[in-house]
Amino acid sequence: MVVRVIDPKPDPSVVKQVICRNCGAKLEYVPNDVKSKSVSDYGGGSDTYYWIDCPQCSNQVNVR
């Protein structure tokens, strides 16, 4: 069976909102919009940061 798109709009259950702390714009995003980067610290552990880019001011907005 082939995967079919029934409705191209994202389902409301996966749409999230966040406010850009730089310009105050309310942003709506889906998991596919989230970018990530892993960085290592001095102790050898690593942290992963997740963000989206604000389309209004280009600021990186941290998301979970």
C-alpha atoms as a PDB file:
ATOM      1  CA  MET A   1       0.000   0.000   0.000  1.00  0.00           C
ATOM      2  CA  VAL A   2       1.198   3.496  -0.856  1.00  0.00           C
ATOM      3  CA  VAL A   3       1.015   6.376   1.625  1.00  0.00           C
ATOM      4  CA  ARG A   4      -1.611   8.930   0.578  1.00  0.00           C
ATOM      5  CA  VAL A   5      -2.111  12.493   1.729  1.00  0.00           C
ATOM      6  CA  ILE A   6      -5.706  12.866   2.899  1.00  0.00           C
ATOM      7  CA  ASP A   7      -5.412  16.475   4.073  1.00  0.00           C
ATOM      8  CA  PRO A   8      -2.269  18.556   3.351  1.00  0.00           C
ATOM      9  CA  LYS A   9      -2.800  20.842   6.366  1.00  0.00           C
ATOM     10  CA  PRO A  10      -1.095  19.682   9.581  1.00  0.00           C
ATOM     11  CA  ASP A  11      -3.327  18.103  12.189  1.00  0.00           C
ATOM     12  CA  PRO A  12      -3.960  20.488  15.128  1.00  0.00           C
ATOM     13  CA  SER A  13      -2.509  17.908  17.536  1.00  0.00           C
ATOM     14  CA  VAL A  14       1.028  18.446  16.132  1.00  0.00           C
ATOM     15  CA  VAL A  15       0.898  22.231  15.656  1.00  0.00           C
ATOM     16  CA  LYS A  16       2.649  24.144  18.446  1.00  0.00           C
ATOM     17  CA  GLN A  17       2.993  27.831  19.255  1.00  0.00           C
ATOM     18  CA  VAL A  18       5.802  29.907  20.735  1.00  0.00           C
ATOM     19  CA  ILE A  19       6.488  33.623  21.138  1.00  0.00           C
ATOM     20  CA  CYS A  20       9.713  35.112  19.803  1.00  0.00           C
ATOM     21  CA  ARG A  21      11.393  36.915  22.701  1.00  0.00           C
ATOM     22  CA  ASN A  22      13.216  39.223  20.287  1.00  0.00           C
ATOM     23  CA  CYS A  23      10.307  40.734  18.304  1.00  0.00           C
ATOM     24  CA  GLY A  24       7.252  39.419  20.183  1.00  0.00           C
ATOM     25  CA  ALA A  25       5.706  37.626  17.202  1.00  0.00           C
ATOM     26  CA  LYS A  26       3.530  34.586  17.940  1.00  0.00           C
ATOM     27  CA  LEU A  27       4.865  31.707  15.857  1.00  0.00           C
ATOM     28  CA  GLU A  28       3.182  28.461  14.880  1.00  0.00           C
ATOM     29  CA  TYR A  29       5.291  25.457  13.893  1.00  0.00           C
ATOM     30  CA  VAL A  30       5.220  21.701  13.349  1.00  0.00           C
ATOM     31  CA  PRO A  31       7.944  19.199  14.331  1.00  0.00           C
ATOM     32  CA  ASN A  32       9.346  19.223  10.790  1.00  0.00           C
ATOM     33  CA  ASP A  33      10.282  22.932  11.208  1.00  0.00           C
ATOM     34  CA  VAL A  34      12.514  22.302  14.248  1.00  0.00           C
ATOM     35  CA  LYS A  35      16.294  22.381  13.780  1.00  0.00           C
ATOM     36  CA  SER A  36      18.727  20.761  16.206  1.00  0.00           C
ATOM     37  CA  LYS A  37      22.399  20.837  17.109  1.00  0.00           C
ATOM     38  CA  SER A  38      24.384  18.666  19.515  1.00  0.00           C
ATOM     39  CA  VAL A  39      27.326  20.170  21.355  1.00  0.00           C
ATOM     40  CA  SER A  40      29.877  18.582  23.680  1.00  0.00           C
ATOM     41  CA  ASP A  41      30.867  20.126  26.984  1.00  0.00           C
ATOM     42  CA  TYR A  42      34.186  20.006  28.817  1.00  0.00           C
ATOM     43  CA  GLY A  43      33.195  16.928  30.816  1.00  0.00           C
ATOM     44  CA  GLY A  44      32.544  14.850  27.705  1.00  0.00           C
ATOM     45  CA  GLY A  45      28.760  15.010  27.949  1.00  0.00           C
ATOM     46  CA  SER A  46      26.603  16.380  25.190  1.00  0.00           C
ATOM     47  CA  ASP A  47      23.555  18.600  25.009  1.00  0.00           C
ATOM     48  CA  THR A  48      21.115  18.927  22.140  1.00  0.00           C
ATOM     49  CA  TYR A  49      19.527  22.289  21.390  1.00  0.00           C
ATOM     50  CA  TYR A  50      16.277  22.645  19.432  1.00  0.00           C
ATOM     51  CA  TRP A  51      15.091  25.850  17.763  1.00  0.00           C
ATOM     52  CA  ILE A  52      13.114  27.430  14.956  1.00  0.00           C
ATOM     53  CA  ASP A  53      14.046  30.582  13.055  1.00  0.00           C
ATOM     54  CA  CYS A  54      11.642  33.489  13.473  1.00  0.00           C
ATOM     55  CA  PRO A  55      10.447  34.491   9.984  1.00  0.00           C
ATOM     56  CA  GLN A  56       9.958  38.102  11.124  1.00  0.00           C
ATOM     57  CA  CYS A  57      13.345  38.904  12.721  1.00  0.00           C
ATOM     58  CA  SER A  58      15.470  35.778  11.929  1.00  0.00           C
ATOM     59  CA  ASN A  59      16.165  35.228  15.650  1.00  0.00           C
ATOM     60  CA  GLN A  60      16.646  31.628  16.829  1.00  0.00           C
ATOM     61  CA  VAL A  61      13.728  30.739  19.104  1.00  0.00           C
ATOM     62  CA  ASN A  62      14.394  27.828  21.477  1.00  0.00           C
ATOM     63  CA  VAL A  63      11.756  25.089  21.540  1.00  0.00           C
ATOM     64  CA  ARG A  64      11.496  21.771  23.378  1.00  0.00           C
END
